C-alpha atoms as a PDB file:
ATOM      1  CA  MET A   1      -7.543   7.233  40.277  1.00  0.00           C
ATOM      2  CA  PRO A   2      -4.287   5.414  39.367  1.00  0.00           C
ATOM      3  CA  GLU A   3      -1.704   5.773  42.131  1.00  0.00           C
ATOM      4  CA  SER A   4       0.810   7.152  39.614  1.00  0.00           C
ATOM      5  CA  LEU A   5      -1.209  10.359  39.418  1.00  0.00           C
ATOM      6  CA  ALA A   6      -0.665  10.967  43.092  1.00  0.00           C
ATOM      7  CA  GLY A   7       2.994   9.981  43.423  1.00  0.00           C
ATOM      8  CA  ALA A   8       6.146   8.923  41.622  1.00  0.00           C
ATOM      9  CA  ARG A   9       6.046   6.939  38.397  1.00  0.00           C
ATOM     10  CA  PRO A  10       5.326   3.283  39.291  1.00  0.00           C
ATOM     11  CA  THR A  11       7.996   0.691  38.636  1.00  0.00           C
ATOM     12  CA  LEU A  12       7.790  -2.835  37.331  1.00  0.00           C
ATOM     13  CA  GLU A  13       8.726  -4.009  40.841  1.00  0.00           C
ATOM     14  CA  ALA A  14       5.642  -2.215  42.189  1.00  0.00           C
ATOM     15  CA  VAL A  15       3.478  -3.942  39.585  1.00  0.00           C
ATOM     16  CA  ALA A  16       4.941  -7.335  40.567  1.00  0.00           C
ATOM     17  CA  ALA A  17       4.344  -6.635  44.265  1.00  0.00           C
ATOM     18  CA  ARG A  18       0.750  -5.531  43.660  1.00  0.00           C
ATOM     19  CA  ALA A  19       0.050  -8.627  41.559  1.00  0.00           C
ATOM     20  CA  GLY A  20       1.843 -10.983  43.978  1.00  0.00           C
ATOM     21  CA  VAL A  21       4.175 -12.347  41.297  1.00  0.00           C
ATOM     22  CA  SER A  22       7.888 -12.230  40.585  1.00  0.00           C
ATOM     23  CA  ARG A  23       9.429  -9.371  38.645  1.00  0.00           C
ATOM     24  CA  ALA A  24      10.306 -11.800  35.820  1.00  0.00           C
ATOM     25  CA  THR A  25       6.670 -12.887  35.503  1.00  0.00           C
ATOM     26  CA  ALA A  26       5.469  -9.282  35.482  1.00  0.00           C
ATOM     27  CA  SER A  27       8.053  -8.458  32.813  1.00  0.00           C
ATOM     28  CA  ARG A  28       6.910 -11.319  30.587  1.00  0.00           C
ATOM     29  CA  VAL A  29       3.282 -10.191  30.801  1.00  0.00           C
ATOM     30  CA  VAL A  30       4.046  -6.513  30.184  1.00  0.00           C
ATOM     31  CA  ASN A  31       6.320  -7.321  27.234  1.00  0.00           C
ATOM     32  CA  GLY A  32       3.964  -9.786  25.605  1.00  0.00           C
ATOM     33  CA  GLY A  33       5.974 -12.891  26.428  1.00  0.00           C
ATOM     34  CA  ALA A  34       4.552 -16.400  26.445  1.00  0.00           C
ATOM     35  CA  GLY A  35       4.434 -19.072  29.135  1.00  0.00           C
ATOM     36  CA  VAL A  36       2.468 -17.214  31.832  1.00  0.00           C
ATOM     37  CA  ARG A  37      -0.720 -18.799  33.182  1.00  0.00           C
ATOM     38  CA  PRO A  38      -3.934 -16.821  32.430  1.00  0.00           C
ATOM     39  CA  PRO A  39      -4.766 -16.113  36.116  1.00  0.00           C
ATOM     40  CA  LEU A  40      -1.346 -14.507  36.595  1.00  0.00           C
ATOM     41  CA  VAL A  41      -1.725 -12.522  33.362  1.00  0.00           C
ATOM     42  CA  GLU A  42      -5.011 -11.196  34.721  1.00  0.00           C
ATOM     43  CA  LYS A  43      -3.421 -10.203  38.044  1.00  0.00           C
ATOM     44  CA  VAL A  44      -0.530  -8.374  36.360  1.00  0.00           C
ATOM     45  CA  THR A  45      -2.855  -6.635  33.907  1.00  0.00           C
ATOM     46  CA  ARG A  46      -5.063  -5.456  36.762  1.00  0.00           C
ATOM     47  CA  ALA A  47      -2.023  -4.190  38.687  1.00  0.00           C
ATOM     48  CA  VAL A  48      -0.810  -2.279  35.618  1.00  0.00           C
ATOM     49  CA  GLU A  49      -4.186  -0.571  35.334  1.00  0.00           C
ATOM     50  CA  GLU A  50      -4.475   0.208  39.029  1.00  0.00           C
ATOM     51  CA  LEU A  51      -0.993   1.682  39.261  1.00  0.00           C
ATOM     52  CA  GLY A  52      -1.051   3.418  35.874  1.00  0.00           C
ATOM     53  CA  TYR A  53       2.209   1.701  34.936  1.00  0.00           C
ATOM     54  CA  VAL A  54       3.759   2.725  31.581  1.00  0.00           C
ATOM     55  CA  PRO A  55       6.573   0.449  30.304  1.00  0.00           C
ATOM     56  CA  ASN A  56       9.941   2.072  29.767  1.00  0.00           C
ATOM     57  CA  HIS A  57      10.463   1.917  26.008  1.00  0.00           C
ATOM     58  CA  ALA A  58      14.245   1.606  26.124  1.00  0.00           C
ATOM     59  CA  ALA A  59      14.114  -1.204  28.670  1.00  0.00           C
ATOM     60  CA  ARG A  60      11.358  -2.952  26.769  1.00  0.00           C
ATOM     61  CA  THR A  61      13.450  -2.832  23.599  1.00  0.00           C
ATOM     62  CA  LEU A  62      16.342  -4.526  25.402  1.00  0.00           C
ATOM     63  CA  VAL A  63      14.049  -7.313  26.595  1.00  0.00           C
ATOM     64  CA  THR A  64      12.060  -7.918  23.412  1.00  0.00           C
ATOM     65  CA  ARG A  65      14.657  -6.809  20.832  1.00  0.00           C
ATOM     66  CA  ARG A  66      11.777  -4.945  19.200  1.00  0.00           C
ATOM     67  CA  THR A  67      11.521  -1.182  18.696  1.00  0.00           C
ATOM     68  CA  GLY A  68       7.744  -1.090  18.256  1.00  0.00           C
ATOM     69  CA  ALA A  69       8.110   0.889  15.020  1.00  0.00           C
ATOM     70  CA  VAL A  70       7.776   0.086  11.316  1.00  0.00           C
ATOM     71  CA  ALA A  71       9.108   2.135   8.401  1.00  0.00           C
ATOM     72  CA  VAL A  72       6.746   2.929   5.522  1.00  0.00           C
ATOM     73  CA  ILE A  73       8.696   3.794   2.373  1.00  0.00           C
ATOM     74  CA  ILE A  74       7.006   5.342  -0.668  1.00  0.00           C
ATOM     75  CA  ALA A  75       9.199   5.566  -3.744  1.00  0.00           C
ATOM     76  CA  GLU A  76       7.576   8.711  -5.129  1.00  0.00           C
ATOM     77  CA  PRO A  77       8.203  12.472  -4.836  1.00  0.00           C
ATOM     78  CA  GLU A  78       6.419  14.230  -1.989  1.00  0.00           C
ATOM     79  CA  ILE A  79       4.227  16.289  -4.334  1.00  0.00           C
ATOM     80  CA  ARG A  80       2.805  13.110  -5.852  1.00  0.00           C
ATOM     81  CA  ILE A  81       2.210  11.425  -2.502  1.00  0.00           C
ATOM     82  CA  PHE A  82       0.154  14.308  -1.137  1.00  0.00           C
ATOM     83  CA  SER A  83      -1.818  14.929  -4.345  1.00  0.00           C
ATOM     84  CA  ASP A  84      -2.821  11.329  -5.134  1.00  0.00           C
ATOM     85  CA  PRO A  85      -5.549   9.859  -2.870  1.00  0.00           C
ATOM     86  CA  PHE A  86      -4.184   6.368  -3.567  1.00  0.00           C
ATOM     87  CA  PHE A  87      -1.301   6.929  -1.168  1.00  0.00           C
ATOM     88  CA  SER A  88      -3.430   8.384   1.632  1.00  0.00           C
ATOM     89  CA  GLN A  89      -5.780   5.391   1.437  1.00  0.00           C
ATOM     90  CA  GLN A  90      -2.924   2.893   1.584  1.00  0.00           C
ATOM     91  CA  ILE A  91      -1.238   4.724   4.477  1.00  0.00           C
ATOM     92  CA  ARG A  92      -4.600   4.857   6.288  1.00  0.00           C
ATOM     93  CA  GLY A  93      -4.897   1.073   6.059  1.00  0.00           C
ATOM     94  CA  ILE A  94      -1.324   0.549   7.239  1.00  0.00           C
ATOM     95  CA  SER A  95      -1.791   2.989  10.118  1.00  0.00           C
ATOM     96  CA  LYS A  96      -4.991   1.322  11.327  1.00  0.00           C
ATOM     97  CA  GLU A  97      -3.357  -2.088  11.464  1.00  0.00           C
ATOM     98  CA  LEU A  98      -0.179  -0.865  13.156  1.00  0.00           C
ATOM     99  CA  THR A  99      -2.169   1.152  15.699  1.00  0.00           C
ATOM    100  CA  ALA A 100      -4.242  -1.906  16.546  1.00  0.00           C
ATOM    101  CA  HIS A 101      -0.962  -3.666  17.406  1.00  0.00           C
ATOM    102  CA  ASP A 102       0.543  -0.744  19.370  1.00  0.00           C
ATOM    103  CA  THR A 103       3.182  -0.155  16.691  1.00  0.00           C
ATOM    104  CA  GLN A 104       4.370   3.221  15.434  1.00  0.00           C
ATOM    105  CA  LEU A 105       4.474   4.212  11.763  1.00  0.00           C
ATOM    106  CA  VAL A 106       7.607   6.002  10.564  1.00  0.00           C
ATOM    107  CA  LEU A 107       7.061   7.557   7.131  1.00  0.00           C
ATOM    108  CA  LEU A 108      10.165   7.764   4.918  1.00  0.00           C
ATOM    109  CA  LEU A 109       9.853   9.763   1.688  1.00  0.00           C
ATOM    110  CA  LEU A 110      12.086   9.715  -1.378  1.00  0.00           C
ATOM    111  CA  GLU A 111      12.649  12.965  -3.228  1.00  0.00           C
ATOM    112  CA  GLY A 112      15.733  11.935  -5.179  1.00  0.00           C
ATOM    113  CA  PRO A 113      18.592   9.417  -5.503  1.00  0.00           C
ATOM    114  CA  GLY A 114      20.444  10.942  -2.549  1.00  0.00           C
ATOM    115  CA  ASP A 115      17.654   9.915  -0.197  1.00  0.00           C
ATOM    116  CA  TYR A 116      18.467   6.230  -0.608  1.00  0.00           C
ATOM    117  CA  ASP A 117      21.666   6.617   1.412  1.00  0.00           C
ATOM    118  CA  ARG A 118      19.765   8.398   4.179  1.00  0.00           C
ATOM    119  CA  ILE A 119      17.123   5.653   4.304  1.00  0.00           C
ATOM    120  CA  ALA A 120      19.786   2.923   4.228  1.00  0.00           C
ATOM    121  CA  ARG A 121      21.535   4.467   7.242  1.00  0.00           C
ATOM    122  CA  TYR A 122      18.270   4.813   9.117  1.00  0.00           C
ATOM    123  CA  LEU A 123      17.161   1.222   8.504  1.00  0.00           C
ATOM    124  CA  ALA A 124      20.581  -0.154   9.390  1.00  0.00           C
ATOM    125  CA  GLY A 125      20.577   1.865  12.623  1.00  0.00           C
ATOM    126  CA  GLY A 126      18.071  -0.420  14.321  1.00  0.00           C
ATOM    127  CA  HIS A 127      15.328   2.208  14.588  1.00  0.00           C
ATOM    128  CA  VAL A 128      12.550  -0.004  13.171  1.00  0.00           C
ATOM    129  CA  ASP A 129      11.569  -3.669  13.271  1.00  0.00           C
ATOM    130  CA  GLY A 130      10.682  -3.924   9.584  1.00  0.00           C
ATOM    131  CA  ALA A 131       9.642  -2.021   6.485  1.00  0.00           C
ATOM    132  CA  LEU A 132       6.621  -1.655   4.226  1.00  0.00           C
ATOM    133  CA  ALA A 133       7.421  -0.273   0.776  1.00  0.00           C
ATOM    134  CA  PHE A 134       5.235   0.466  -2.213  1.00  0.00           C
ATOM    135  CA  SER A 135       5.109   2.229  -5.555  1.00  0.00           C
ATOM    136  CA  LEU A 136       8.569   0.855  -6.359  1.00  0.00           C
ATOM    137  CA  HIS A 137       9.975   1.167  -9.874  1.00  0.00           C
ATOM    138  CA  THR A 138      12.137  -1.254 -11.866  1.00  0.00           C
ATOM    139  CA  ASP A 139      15.528  -1.887 -10.221  1.00  0.00           C
ATOM    140  CA  ASP A 140      14.605   0.235  -7.205  1.00  0.00           C
ATOM    141  CA  PRO A 141      17.374  -0.198  -4.567  1.00  0.00           C
ATOM    142  CA  ILE A 142      14.959  -0.379  -1.607  1.00  0.00           C
ATOM    143  CA  PRO A 143      14.702  -4.223  -1.566  1.00  0.00           C
ATOM    144  CA  ALA A 144      18.497  -4.520  -1.517  1.00  0.00           C
ATOM    145  CA  ILE A 145      18.684  -1.871   1.204  1.00  0.00           C
ATOM    146  CA  THR A 146      16.242  -3.740   3.456  1.00  0.00           C
ATOM    147  CA  ARG A 147      18.165  -6.987   2.916  1.00  0.00           C
ATOM    148  CA  ARG A 148      21.457  -5.351   3.872  1.00  0.00           C
ATOM    149  CA  ALA A 149      19.817  -3.813   6.945  1.00  0.00           C
ATOM    150  CA  GLY A 150      18.709  -7.308   7.971  1.00  0.00           C
ATOM    151  CA  ILE A 151      15.066  -6.353   8.533  1.00  0.00           C
ATOM    152  CA  PRO A 152      11.961  -8.079   7.154  1.00  0.00           C
ATOM    153  CA  ALA A 153       9.927  -6.239   4.537  1.00  0.00           C
ATOM    154  CA  VAL A 154       6.597  -6.554   2.757  1.00  0.00           C
ATOM    155  CA  TYR A 155       5.995  -4.796  -0.557  1.00  0.00           C
ATOM    156  CA  GLY A 156       2.970  -3.224  -2.166  1.00  0.00           C
ATOM    157  CA  GLY A 157       2.849  -4.388  -5.781  1.00  0.00           C
ATOM    158  CA  ARG A 158       4.206  -7.356  -7.688  1.00  0.00           C
ATOM    159  CA  PRO A 159       8.029  -7.288  -7.712  1.00  0.00           C
ATOM    160  CA  ASN A 160       9.787  -6.253 -10.898  1.00  0.00           C
ATOM    161  CA  TRP A 161      13.258  -5.698  -9.547  1.00  0.00           C
ATOM    162  CA  SER A 162      16.389  -7.814  -9.679  1.00  0.00           C
ATOM    163  CA  VAL A 163      16.216 -10.324  -6.820  1.00  0.00           C
ATOM    164  CA  PRO A 164      19.142 -12.646  -5.994  1.00  0.00           C
ATOM    165  CA  ALA A 165      18.274 -16.342  -6.189  1.00  0.00           C
ATOM    166  CA  GLU A 166      18.426 -16.753  -2.397  1.00  0.00           C
ATOM    167  CA  HIS A 167      15.803 -14.014  -1.965  1.00  0.00           C
ATOM    168  CA  ARG A 168      13.339 -15.001  -4.683  1.00  0.00           C
ATOM    169  CA  THR A 169      10.460 -15.441  -2.210  1.00  0.00           C
ATOM    170  CA  VAL A 170       9.459 -11.825  -1.715  1.00  0.00           C
ATOM    171  CA  PRO A 171       6.284 -11.171   0.311  1.00  0.00           C
ATOM    172  CA  TYR A 172       3.992  -8.665  -1.370  1.00  0.00           C
ATOM    173  CA  VAL A 173       0.356  -7.605  -1.653  1.00  0.00           C
ATOM    174  CA  ASP A 174      -1.180  -6.572  -4.956  1.00  0.00           C
ATOM    175  CA  ALA A 175      -4.513  -6.370  -6.765  1.00  0.00           C
ATOM    176  CA  ASP A 176      -5.473  -8.512  -9.735  1.00  0.00           C
ATOM    177  CA  ASN A 177      -4.428  -5.748 -12.122  1.00  0.00           C
ATOM    178  CA  ARG A 178      -4.459  -7.890 -15.234  1.00  0.00           C
ATOM    179  CA  GLY A 179      -7.844  -9.438 -14.493  1.00  0.00           C
ATOM    180  CA  GLY A 180      -9.331  -6.050 -13.653  1.00  0.00           C
ATOM    181  CA  ALA A 181      -8.087  -4.602 -16.930  1.00  0.00           C
ATOM    182  CA  ARG A 182      -9.595  -7.495 -18.879  1.00  0.00           C
ATOM    183  CA  ALA A 183     -12.952  -6.895 -17.168  1.00  0.00           C
ATOM    184  CA  ALA A 184     -12.857  -3.197 -18.087  1.00  0.00           C
ATOM    185  CA  VAL A 185     -12.070  -3.791 -21.760  1.00  0.00           C
ATOM    186  CA  ARG A 186     -14.614  -6.595 -22.103  1.00  0.00           C
ATOM    187  CA  TYR A 187     -17.240  -4.324 -20.597  1.00  0.00           C
ATOM    188  CA  LEU A 188     -16.472  -1.697 -23.228  1.00  0.00           C
ATOM    189  CA  GLU A 189     -16.689  -4.352 -25.923  1.00  0.00           C
ATOM    190  CA  ASP A 190     -20.066  -5.483 -24.580  1.00  0.00           C
ATOM    191  CA  LEU A 191     -21.260  -1.898 -24.996  1.00  0.00           C
ATOM    192  CA  GLY A 192     -20.512  -2.231 -28.712  1.00  0.00           C
ATOM    193  CA  ARG A 193     -17.330  -0.141 -28.706  1.00  0.00           C
ATOM    194  CA  ARG A 194     -14.811  -1.159 -31.362  1.00  0.00           C
ATOM    195  CA  ARG A 195     -12.022   1.464 -31.230  1.00  0.00           C
ATOM    196  CA  ILE A 196     -10.950   1.100 -27.619  1.00  0.00           C
ATOM    197  CA  ALA A 197      -7.884   3.103 -26.608  1.00  0.00           C
ATOM    198  CA  HIS A 198      -5.722   2.640 -23.548  1.00  0.00           C
ATOM    199  CA  ILE A 199      -3.930   5.227 -21.424  1.00  0.00           C
ATOM    200  CA  ALA A 200      -1.208   3.153 -19.772  1.00  0.00           C
ATOM    201  CA  GLY A 201       0.760   3.936 -16.653  1.00  0.00           C
ATOM    202  CA  PRO A 202       4.562   4.158 -16.515  1.00  0.00           C
ATOM    203  CA  ARG A 203       6.167   1.015 -17.939  1.00  0.00           C
ATOM    204  CA  ASP A 204       8.615   0.721 -15.031  1.00  0.00           C
ATOM    205  CA  GLN A 205       5.817  -0.229 -12.610  1.00  0.00           C
ATOM    206  CA  THR A 206       4.196  -3.643 -12.612  1.00  0.00           C
ATOM    207  CA  SER A 207       0.683  -2.365 -11.953  1.00  0.00           C
ATOM    208  CA  ALA A 208       0.863  -0.448 -15.245  1.00  0.00           C
ATOM    209  CA  THR A 209       2.373  -3.293 -17.267  1.00  0.00           C
ATOM    210  CA  ASP A 210      -0.140  -5.783 -15.845  1.00  0.00           C
ATOM    211  CA  ARG A 211      -3.049  -3.514 -16.817  1.00  0.00           C
ATOM    212  CA  LEU A 212      -1.588  -3.033 -20.274  1.00  0.00           C
ATOM    213  CA  ASP A 213      -1.255  -6.812 -20.596  1.00  0.00           C
ATOM    214  CA  GLY A 214      -4.902  -7.187 -19.581  1.00  0.00           C
ATOM    215  CA  TYR A 215      -5.916  -4.746 -22.300  1.00  0.00           C
ATOM    216  CA  ARG A 216      -3.889  -6.719 -24.851  1.00  0.00           C
ATOM    217  CA  ASP A 217      -5.353 -10.024 -23.624  1.00  0.00           C
ATOM    218  CA  VAL A 218      -8.759  -8.853 -24.851  1.00  0.00           C
ATOM    219  CA  LEU A 219      -7.499  -6.881 -27.853  1.00  0.00           C
ATOM    220  CA  PRO A 220      -4.369  -8.732 -29.050  1.00  0.00           C
ATOM    221  CA  GLY A 221      -4.489  -7.045 -32.439  1.00  0.00           C
ATOM    222  CA  ALA A 222      -5.110  -3.512 -31.184  1.00  0.00           C
ATOM    223  CA  ASP A 223      -3.638  -0.689 -33.251  1.00  0.00           C
ATOM    224  CA  PRO A 224      -0.484   0.549 -31.420  1.00  0.00           C
ATOM    225  CA  ALA A 225      -1.695   4.084 -32.125  1.00  0.00           C
ATOM    226  CA  LEU A 226      -4.534   3.424 -29.661  1.00  0.00           C
ATOM    227  CA  ILE A 227      -2.068   3.152 -26.749  1.00  0.00           C
ATOM    228  CA  ALA A 228      -0.537   6.184 -25.042  1.00  0.00           C
ATOM    229  CA  GLU A 229       1.571   6.263 -21.884  1.00  0.00           C
ATOM    230  CA  GLY A 230       0.836   8.433 -18.866  1.00  0.00           C
ATOM    231  CA  ALA A 231       2.370   8.774 -15.411  1.00  0.00           C
ATOM    232  CA  PHE A 232      -0.603   7.995 -13.125  1.00  0.00           C
ATOM    233  CA  THR A 233      -1.327  11.734 -12.801  1.00  0.00           C
ATOM    234  CA  ALA A 234      -4.269  13.799 -14.058  1.00  0.00           C
ATOM    235  CA  ALA A 235      -1.999  16.027 -16.151  1.00  0.00           C
ATOM    236  CA  SER A 236      -0.457  13.011 -17.883  1.00  0.00           C
ATOM    237  CA  GLY A 237      -3.961  11.707 -18.588  1.00  0.00           C
ATOM    238  CA  GLU A 238      -4.769  14.979 -20.316  1.00  0.00           C
ATOM    239  CA  ARG A 239      -1.640  14.785 -22.461  1.00  0.00           C
ATOM    240  CA  ALA A 240      -2.232  11.151 -23.377  1.00  0.00           C
ATOM    241  CA  MET A 241      -5.877  11.777 -24.277  1.00  0.00           C
ATOM    242  CA  ALA A 242      -4.916  14.663 -26.541  1.00  0.00           C
ATOM    243  CA  GLU A 243      -2.341  12.443 -28.283  1.00  0.00           C
ATOM    244  CA  LEU A 244      -4.890   9.683 -28.790  1.00  0.00           C
ATOM    245  CA  LEU A 245      -7.502  12.008 -30.268  1.00  0.00           C
ATOM    246  CA  ASP A 246      -4.937  13.514 -32.633  1.00  0.00           C
ATOM    247  CA  ARG A 247      -3.806  10.058 -33.799  1.00  0.00           C
ATOM    248  CA  CYS A 248      -7.141   8.239 -33.722  1.00  0.00           C
ATOM    249  CA  PRO A 249     -10.047  10.695 -33.932  1.00  0.00           C
ATOM    250  CA  ASP A 250     -12.455   7.787 -34.522  1.00  0.00           C
ATOM    251  CA  LEU A 251     -11.829   6.139 -31.136  1.00  0.00           C
ATOM    252  CA  ASP A 252     -15.052   5.422 -29.261  1.00  0.00           C
ATOM    253  CA  ALA A 253     -13.811   4.207 -25.850  1.00  0.00           C
ATOM    254  CA  VAL A 254     -10.892   4.655 -23.468  1.00  0.00           C
ATOM    255  CA  PHE A 255      -9.620   2.472 -20.650  1.00  0.00           C
ATOM    256  CA  ALA A 256      -7.304   4.520 -18.412  1.00  0.00           C
ATOM    257  CA  ALA A 257      -4.943   2.687 -16.052  1.00  0.00           C
ATOM    258  CA  ASN A 258      -6.001   4.758 -13.032  1.00  0.00           C
ATOM    259  CA  ASP A 259      -8.739   7.186 -12.015  1.00  0.00           C
ATOM    260  CA  LEU A 260      -6.512  10.267 -11.998  1.00  0.00           C
ATOM    261  CA  MET A 261      -5.556   9.744 -15.640  1.00  0.00           C
ATOM    262  CA  ALA A 262      -9.204   9.015 -16.465  1.00  0.00           C
ATOM    263  CA  SER A 263     -10.231  12.337 -14.886  1.00  0.00           C
ATOM    264  CA  GLY A 264      -7.649  14.152 -17.017  1.00  0.00           C
ATOM    265  CA  ALA A 265      -8.857  12.316 -20.112  1.00  0.00           C
ATOM    266  CA  LEU A 266     -12.441  13.332 -19.334  1.00  0.00           C
ATOM    267  CA  ARG A 267     -11.497  17.022 -19.266  1.00  0.00           C
ATOM    268  CA  VAL A 268      -9.847  16.791 -22.691  1.00  0.00           C
ATOM    269  CA  LEU A 269     -12.779  14.891 -24.192  1.00  0.00           C
ATOM    270  CA  LYS A 270     -15.120  17.647 -23.031  1.00  0.00           C
ATOM    271  CA  GLU A 271     -12.816  20.338 -24.394  1.00  0.00           C
ATOM    272  CA  ARG A 272     -12.785  18.562 -27.768  1.00  0.00           C
ATOM    273  CA  GLY A 273     -16.581  18.402 -27.812  1.00  0.00           C
ATOM    274  CA  ARG A 274     -16.849  14.635 -27.273  1.00  0.00           C
ATOM    275  CA  ALA A 275     -19.839  13.539 -25.225  1.00  0.00           C
ATOM    276  CA  VAL A 276     -19.120  10.985 -22.506  1.00  0.00           C
ATOM    277  CA  PRO A 277     -20.340   8.282 -22.742  1.00  0.00           C
ATOM    278  CA  GLY A 278     -22.323   9.088 -25.898  1.00  0.00           C
ATOM    279  CA  ASP A 279     -19.361   9.599 -28.216  1.00  0.00           C
ATOM    280  CA  VAL A 280     -16.607   8.074 -26.089  1.00  0.00           C
ATOM    281  CA  ALA A 281     -17.085   5.636 -23.201  1.00  0.00           C
ATOM    282  CA  LEU A 282     -14.519   5.943 -20.412  1.00  0.00           C
ATOM    283  CA  VAL A 283     -13.350   3.508 -17.714  1.00  0.00           C
ATOM    284  CA  GLY A 284     -10.721   4.098 -15.029  1.00  0.00           C
ATOM    285  CA  PHE A 285      -9.018   1.916 -12.407  1.00  0.00           C
ATOM    286  CA  ASP A 286      -8.929   2.212  -8.567  1.00  0.00           C
ATOM    287  CA  ASP A 287     -12.437   3.439  -7.624  1.00  0.00           C
ATOM    288  CA  MET A 288     -11.251   6.245  -5.379  1.00  0.00           C
ATOM    289  CA  ASP A 289     -14.450   8.014  -4.303  1.00  0.00           C
ATOM    290  CA  ALA A 290     -12.804  11.429  -4.197  1.00  0.00           C
ATOM    291  CA  ILE A 291     -12.207  11.129  -7.941  1.00  0.00           C
ATOM    292  CA  ALA A 292     -14.715   8.655  -9.370  1.00  0.00           C
ATOM    293  CA  GLU A 293     -17.736  10.239  -7.671  1.00  0.00           C
ATOM    294  CA  GLY A 294     -16.463  13.769  -8.233  1.00  0.00           C
ATOM    295  CA  THR A 295     -16.235  13.718 -12.028  1.00  0.00           C
ATOM    296  CA  ASP A 296     -19.083  14.744 -14.312  1.00  0.00           C
ATOM    297  CA  PRO A 297     -20.320  12.217 -15.258  1.00  0.00           C
ATOM    298  CA  PRO A 298     -19.268   9.894 -12.397  1.00  0.00           C
ATOM    299  CA  LEU A 299     -16.571   7.504 -13.478  1.00  0.00           C
ATOM    300  CA  THR A 300     -17.026   3.836 -14.299  1.00  0.00           C
ATOM    301  CA  THR A 301     -13.939   2.191 -12.842  1.00  0.00           C
ATOM    302  CA  VAL A 302     -12.304  -1.000 -11.619  1.00  0.00           C
ATOM    303  CA  ARG A 303     -12.316  -1.177  -7.831  1.00  0.00           C
ATOM    304  CA  GLN A 304      -9.389  -2.398  -5.783  1.00  0.00           C
ATOM    305  CA  ASP A 305      -9.445  -2.291  -1.980  1.00  0.00           C
ATOM    306  CA  ILE A 306      -6.550   0.110  -1.479  1.00  0.00           C
ATOM    307  CA  GLU A 307      -6.999   0.603   2.254  1.00  0.00           C
ATOM    308  CA  GLY A 308      -7.487  -3.135   2.737  1.00  0.00           C
ATOM    309  CA  GLN A 309      -4.234  -3.821   0.903  1.00  0.00           C
ATOM    310  CA  GLY A 310      -2.425  -1.465   3.285  1.00  0.00           C
ATOM    311  CA  ARG A 311      -3.856  -3.280   6.295  1.00  0.00           C
ATOM    312  CA  LEU A 312      -2.899  -6.623   4.790  1.00  0.00           C
ATOM    313  CA  MET A 313       0.689  -5.489   4.155  1.00  0.00           C
ATOM    314  CA  ALA A 314       1.051  -4.434   7.788  1.00  0.00           C
ATOM    315  CA  ARG A 315      -0.606  -7.645   9.021  1.00  0.00           C
ATOM    316  CA  LEU A 316       1.796  -9.819   7.022  1.00  0.00           C
ATOM    317  CA  LEU A 317       4.806  -7.931   8.350  1.00  0.00           C
ATOM    318  CA  LEU A 318       3.653  -8.084  11.968  1.00  0.00           C
ATOM    319  CA  ARG A 319       2.882 -11.788  11.636  1.00  0.00           C
ATOM    320  CA  GLY A 320       6.371 -12.349  10.225  1.00  0.00           C
ATOM    321  CA  LEU A 321       7.933 -10.460  13.123  1.00  0.00           C
ATOM    322  CA  ASP A 322       6.011 -12.572  15.638  1.00  0.00           C
ATOM    323  CA  HIS A 323       7.321 -15.774  14.044  1.00  0.00           C
ATOM    324  CA  GLU A 324      10.814 -14.534  13.182  1.00  0.00           C
ATOM    325  CA  ARG A 325      12.570 -16.270  16.063  1.00  0.00           C
ATOM    326  CA  ALA A 326      10.840 -19.541  15.210  1.00  0.00           C
ATOM    327  CA  GLY A 327      12.417 -19.438  11.756  1.00  0.00           C
ATOM    328  CA  ALA A 328       9.067 -19.332   9.976  1.00  0.00           C
ATOM    329  CA  PRO A 329       9.211 -18.800   6.202  1.00  0.00           C
ATOM    330  CA  ALA A 330       8.353 -15.449   4.660  1.00  0.00           C
ATOM    331  CA  PRO A 331       4.616 -14.864   4.056  1.00  0.00           C
ATOM    332  CA  ASP A 332       3.309 -15.889   0.649  1.00  0.00           C
ATOM    333  CA  PRO A 333       2.341 -13.145  -1.824  1.00  0.00           C
ATOM    334  CA  VAL A 334      -1.331 -12.116  -1.733  1.00  0.00           C
ATOM    335  CA  ILE A 335      -3.354 -11.014  -4.772  1.00  0.00           C
ATOM    336  CA  THR A 336      -6.635  -9.302  -3.916  1.00  0.00           C
ATOM    337  CA  ALA A 337      -9.741  -9.268  -6.108  1.00  0.00           C
ATOM    338  CA  THR A 338     -10.930  -6.410  -8.311  1.00  0.00           C
ATOM    339  CA  THR A 339     -14.481  -5.567  -9.377  1.00  0.00           C
ATOM    340  CA  LEU A 340     -15.953  -3.316 -12.056  1.00  0.00           C
ATOM    341  CA  VAL A 341     -18.074  -0.454 -10.704  1.00  0.00           C
ATOM    342  CA  ARG A 342     -20.488   0.796 -13.362  1.00  0.00           C
ATOM    343  CA  ARG A 343     -21.268   4.489 -13.386  1.00  0.00           C
ATOM    344  CA  ALA A 344     -22.283   7.036 -15.984  1.00  0.00           C
ATOM    345  CA  SER A 345     -19.051   7.453 -17.980  1.00  0.00           C
ATOM    346  CA  ALA A 346     -19.415   4.122 -19.760  1.00  0.00           C
END
C-alpha cells in the first residue's frame, strides 16, 4: 500500500528523493510543467503513486498561477435551470470535459439583478481561472464583468450584446439555429402544409431570433398573425398555441423554437380537438429525449448536440488557458451542425 497510509503525509521532497531527481524537477512534473525528459517524468510519476503524494492546492496555485476551477454562469432563474433538460445536458458536457482535465466546476446562478455584483466580486477575487456563460440575454453585463475581472471566457450562443471594438473577437459555441429552422419549415412544406405557424422564443436571445429568421427565410411573406412569442417554457408554448389557434384557426402546421414549447403546444392542440399530425403537423427544436420521446405522439424535432456543445465550450476555454502565457489569440467561434429527426408529430 502507499507509504502515506502508514505514516505522515508525504512531501514533495520525499517524492524527489524517491525518484532521484531535484525538488524543482519533481515540482515541474507534479504541476504539469514542460521541459522535463520523459524518463524523469516516469520516475516522478511512479514515486507519486508509490508514496500516495497529493499536491498541496495552495502551493500549486502559487507555482502555476492557476486555481484549477472554472465558473459556469447561467443567466436564468434557478426554477428554469432545474426544470429545463437543456441546462442539465449542457452542464453535463461541461462537467465531463472539466473532470477529464482535473478541473473543478463552480456553478454560479442568477436570480436577479443584485446577483451580478456578487458574481463580479467572486470572479475578481481570483477564485477561478476562467468562465463559461450561456443563455445570456441582450446587453447582459456578464461579458463586461469577465473582462473587468481579467479572466478568459467562452460563451454558449452567438453574442448579441454590446462589445467594445477591442473585444470584438468573442469565443463562443452555438448550433446552426437558422439552418435548422429552415430545415424544419421546408420539411413541413414538403408534407404539403401551407399555413405554417411559428412559436418563437424570447426576442432578446440570439437562438430565438436566428430560428425566427430561418422560418422567415423559407416563408418571407408569412402572415404576421402566424407568429407568436413564447419564453422557451412549456407553459409559454401553451399560451402561444392558444393565441395562434384563436387568430388563425386554419393553420395546419407549427414549428416551435424548442421542444418544451412544442410539448405545450401539443397539449393545447389535443384540448382543442386537433389531431397531430393529421390536422396539424408539429416540429420542435433541440431533440431532448426526455421531451421528444415522451410526448404522444413522439415529437419530430431539430437535433442539436447540447452535451457536445458544453464539452466544446470547456475544451476551448481550457485550450485558451494553456496558451494564455504564449499570447495566443482567443479561440474562433464554433457553429455546430443540426439535423432533423423525423417522428410521429409531423
